[in-house]
Amino acid sequence: QLQFVESGGGLVQPGGSLRLSCAASRFTLENYNIGWFRQAPGKEHEGVSCISSSDGSTYYADSVKGRFTISRDNAKNTVYLQMNSLKPEDTAVYYCAAGPPITSVQAMCIFRGVFGSWGQGTQVTVSS
């Protein structure tokens, strides 16, 4: 089973920044598309951003475009999500997940095309 450790969440004021990390210890992230998803209370998981394993192409949900940046460091087997200009509506538990490299990152994020079940995630709270 593909397991991740998500970290970097916390409480931040509107307009602030956080960087989330997604690390894997038992498999190589480089071989998969990786995505960040979030779930706000009472809502379904939403694809935030996904990055391709092959060419590094990325997808961002309209709600975060221009504010969030996804990146991967294959040497550290880690994927990051830099979140700037945070808004209260960004409050959610954030999860990372792996998807098949044959799938487009857009499809992965929109249709939640991921392997396995969700992990523990990391809580992001944006509030003054």
Foldseek 3Di string as FASTA:
>chain_A
DWDWDKDWADEAAQQAKIKIKIATDPDQQLQFKKWKWWDDPPGDIATAKIFASPPRDMDGDPVQPPFWDWDDDRVRSMIMIIGGRDDQVVWTFMWMFTAHNVDDRVCCRHVVRGDDDTDPGHTHGYHD
